[in-house]
Amino acid sequence: MSKKVGPKEYEVAWRSVLDCVDGIKEELSWSKDVTAKILIELAGKIENEED
């Protein structure tokens, strides 16, 4: 089932995996920023309603 790969193929495969991980990190960071902005806006609306 497994196939031996050469050092260059191995390195290319790992680079691909690491690129995917970096993309996921970037996406999660963007998502957290959007979520934080939405929560800040909601908190502002709630404060305005209480006044």
N, C-alpha and C. Protein backbone atom coordinates (compact mmCIF):
# COMPACT_ATOMS: atom_id res chain seq x y z
N MET A 1 0.81 -1.20 0.00
CA MET A 1 0.00 0.00 0.00
C MET A 1 0.85 1.26 0.00
N SER A 2 1.94 1.25 0.74
CA SER A 2 2.77 2.45 0.74
C SER A 2 3.85 2.32 -0.31
N LYS A 3 4.24 3.45 -0.84
CA LYS A 3 5.22 3.49 -1.91
C LYS A 3 6.39 4.33 -1.44
N LYS A 4 7.59 3.86 -1.68
CA LYS A 4 8.75 4.65 -1.29
C LYS A 4 8.89 5.84 -2.22
N VAL A 5 9.19 6.97 -1.62
CA VAL A 5 9.41 8.18 -2.41
C VAL A 5 10.82 8.68 -2.14
N GLY A 6 11.33 9.40 -3.11
CA GLY A 6 12.66 9.97 -2.97
C GLY A 6 12.64 11.20 -2.08
N PRO A 7 13.82 11.64 -1.68
CA PRO A 7 13.91 12.81 -0.78
C PRO A 7 13.26 14.07 -1.37
N LYS A 8 13.41 14.28 -2.67
CA LYS A 8 12.80 15.47 -3.28
C LYS A 8 11.28 15.38 -3.25
N GLU A 9 10.74 14.22 -3.58
CA GLU A 9 9.28 14.05 -3.55
C GLU A 9 8.76 14.22 -2.13
N TYR A 10 9.50 13.71 -1.17
CA TYR A 10 9.12 13.83 0.24
C TYR A 10 9.09 15.30 0.65
N GLU A 11 10.13 16.03 0.25
CA GLU A 11 10.21 17.46 0.60
C GLU A 11 9.07 18.24 -0.04
N VAL A 12 8.77 17.94 -1.31
CA VAL A 12 7.68 18.62 -2.01
C VAL A 12 6.34 18.32 -1.32
N ALA A 13 6.15 17.08 -0.93
CA ALA A 13 4.90 16.70 -0.25
C ALA A 13 4.77 17.45 1.07
N TRP A 14 5.85 17.54 1.84
CA TRP A 14 5.78 18.25 3.12
C TRP A 14 5.54 19.73 2.92
N ARG A 15 6.15 20.30 1.88
CA ARG A 15 5.90 21.71 1.60
C ARG A 15 4.43 21.95 1.30
N SER A 16 3.84 21.03 0.57
CA SER A 16 2.42 21.13 0.24
C SER A 16 1.56 21.07 1.50
N VAL A 17 1.89 20.15 2.39
CA VAL A 17 1.15 20.02 3.65
C VAL A 17 1.28 21.30 4.47
N LEU A 18 2.50 21.83 4.56
CA LEU A 18 2.72 23.04 5.35
C LEU A 18 2.01 24.25 4.73
N ASP A 19 1.96 24.31 3.41
CA ASP A 19 1.22 25.39 2.75
C ASP A 19 -0.27 25.31 3.10
N CYS A 20 -0.80 24.09 3.13
CA CYS A 20 -2.21 23.92 3.51
C CYS A 20 -2.44 24.37 4.95
N VAL A 21 -1.54 24.01 5.83
CA VAL A 21 -1.67 24.40 7.24
C VAL A 21 -1.62 25.92 7.37
N ASP A 22 -0.72 26.56 6.63
CA ASP A 22 -0.65 28.02 6.66
C ASP A 22 -1.95 28.64 6.17
N GLY A 23 -2.53 28.05 5.13
CA GLY A 23 -3.80 28.54 4.61
C GLY A 23 -4.91 28.42 5.64
N ILE A 24 -4.92 27.30 6.35
CA ILE A 24 -5.93 27.08 7.39
C ILE A 24 -5.74 28.10 8.52
N LYS A 25 -4.50 28.33 8.92
CA LYS A 25 -4.23 29.31 9.97
C LYS A 25 -4.72 30.69 9.56
N GLU A 26 -4.46 31.05 8.31
CA GLU A 26 -4.88 32.35 7.81
C GLU A 26 -6.40 32.46 7.81
N GLU A 27 -7.06 31.41 7.38
CA GLU A 27 -8.53 31.40 7.33
C GLU A 27 -9.11 31.51 8.74
N LEU A 28 -8.54 30.81 9.69
CA LEU A 28 -9.03 30.88 11.07
C LEU A 28 -8.81 32.26 11.65
N SER A 29 -7.67 32.86 11.33
CA SER A 29 -7.38 34.21 11.82
C SER A 29 -8.41 35.19 11.27
N TRP A 30 -8.70 35.08 9.98
CA TRP A 30 -9.70 35.95 9.36
C TRP A 30 -11.05 35.75 10.02
N SER A 31 -11.40 34.49 10.26
CA SER A 31 -12.68 34.16 10.87
C SER A 31 -12.78 34.76 12.28
N LYS A 32 -11.70 34.65 13.05
CA LYS A 32 -11.70 35.22 14.40
C LYS A 32 -11.88 36.73 14.35
N ASP A 33 -11.23 37.40 13.40
CA ASP A 33 -11.36 38.86 13.28
C ASP A 33 -12.80 39.25 12.97
N VAL A 34 -13.42 38.54 12.05
CA VAL A 34 -14.81 38.84 11.68
C VAL A 34 -15.73 38.60 12.88
N THR A 35 -15.53 37.49 13.57
CA THR A 35 -16.35 37.18 14.75
C THR A 35 -16.19 38.25 15.82
N ALA A 36 -14.96 38.68 16.06
CA ALA A 36 -14.71 39.72 17.07
C ALA A 36 -15.41 41.02 16.68
N LYS A 37 -15.35 41.40 15.41
CA LYS A 37 -16.00 42.64 14.97
C LYS A 37 -17.51 42.56 15.16
N ILE A 38 -18.08 41.42 14.84
CA ILE A 38 -19.53 41.24 15.00
C ILE A 38 -19.91 41.35 16.48
N LEU A 39 -19.13 40.71 17.35
CA LEU A 39 -19.43 40.78 18.79
C LEU A 39 -19.29 42.20 19.32
N ILE A 40 -18.31 42.94 18.85
CA ILE A 40 -18.14 44.33 19.28
C ILE A 40 -19.33 45.17 18.84
N GLU A 41 -19.79 44.96 17.59
CA GLU A 41 -20.96 45.69 17.11
C GLU A 41 -22.20 45.35 17.93
N LEU A 42 -22.39 44.08 18.23
CA LEU A 42 -23.55 43.68 19.04
C LEU A 42 -23.48 44.28 20.44
N ALA A 43 -22.30 44.28 21.03
CA ALA A 43 -22.14 44.87 22.37
C ALA A 43 -22.49 46.36 22.33
N GLY A 44 -22.07 47.03 21.28
CA GLY A 44 -22.39 48.46 21.13
C GLY A 44 -23.89 48.68 21.02
N LYS A 45 -24.57 47.83 20.25
CA LYS A 45 -26.02 47.96 20.10
C LYS A 45 -26.74 47.72 21.43
N ILE A 46 -26.28 46.75 22.17
CA ILE A 46 -26.89 46.43 23.47
C ILE A 46 -26.70 47.60 24.44
N GLU A 47 -25.49 48.19 24.44
CA GLU A 47 -25.24 49.34 25.32
C GLU A 47 -26.15 50.49 24.96
N ASN A 48 -26.34 50.74 23.67
CA ASN A 48 -27.21 51.83 23.22
C ASN A 48 -28.66 51.59 23.62
N GLU A 49 -29.11 50.36 23.59
CA GLU A 49 -30.48 50.04 23.98
C GLU A 49 -30.69 50.21 25.47
N GLU A 50 -29.64 49.96 26.26
CA GLU A 50 -29.77 50.07 27.72
C GLU A 50 -29.81 51.52 28.17
N ASP A 51 -29.25 52.43 27.37
CA ASP A 51 -29.21 53.85 27.76
C ASP A 51 -30.51 54.50 27.58
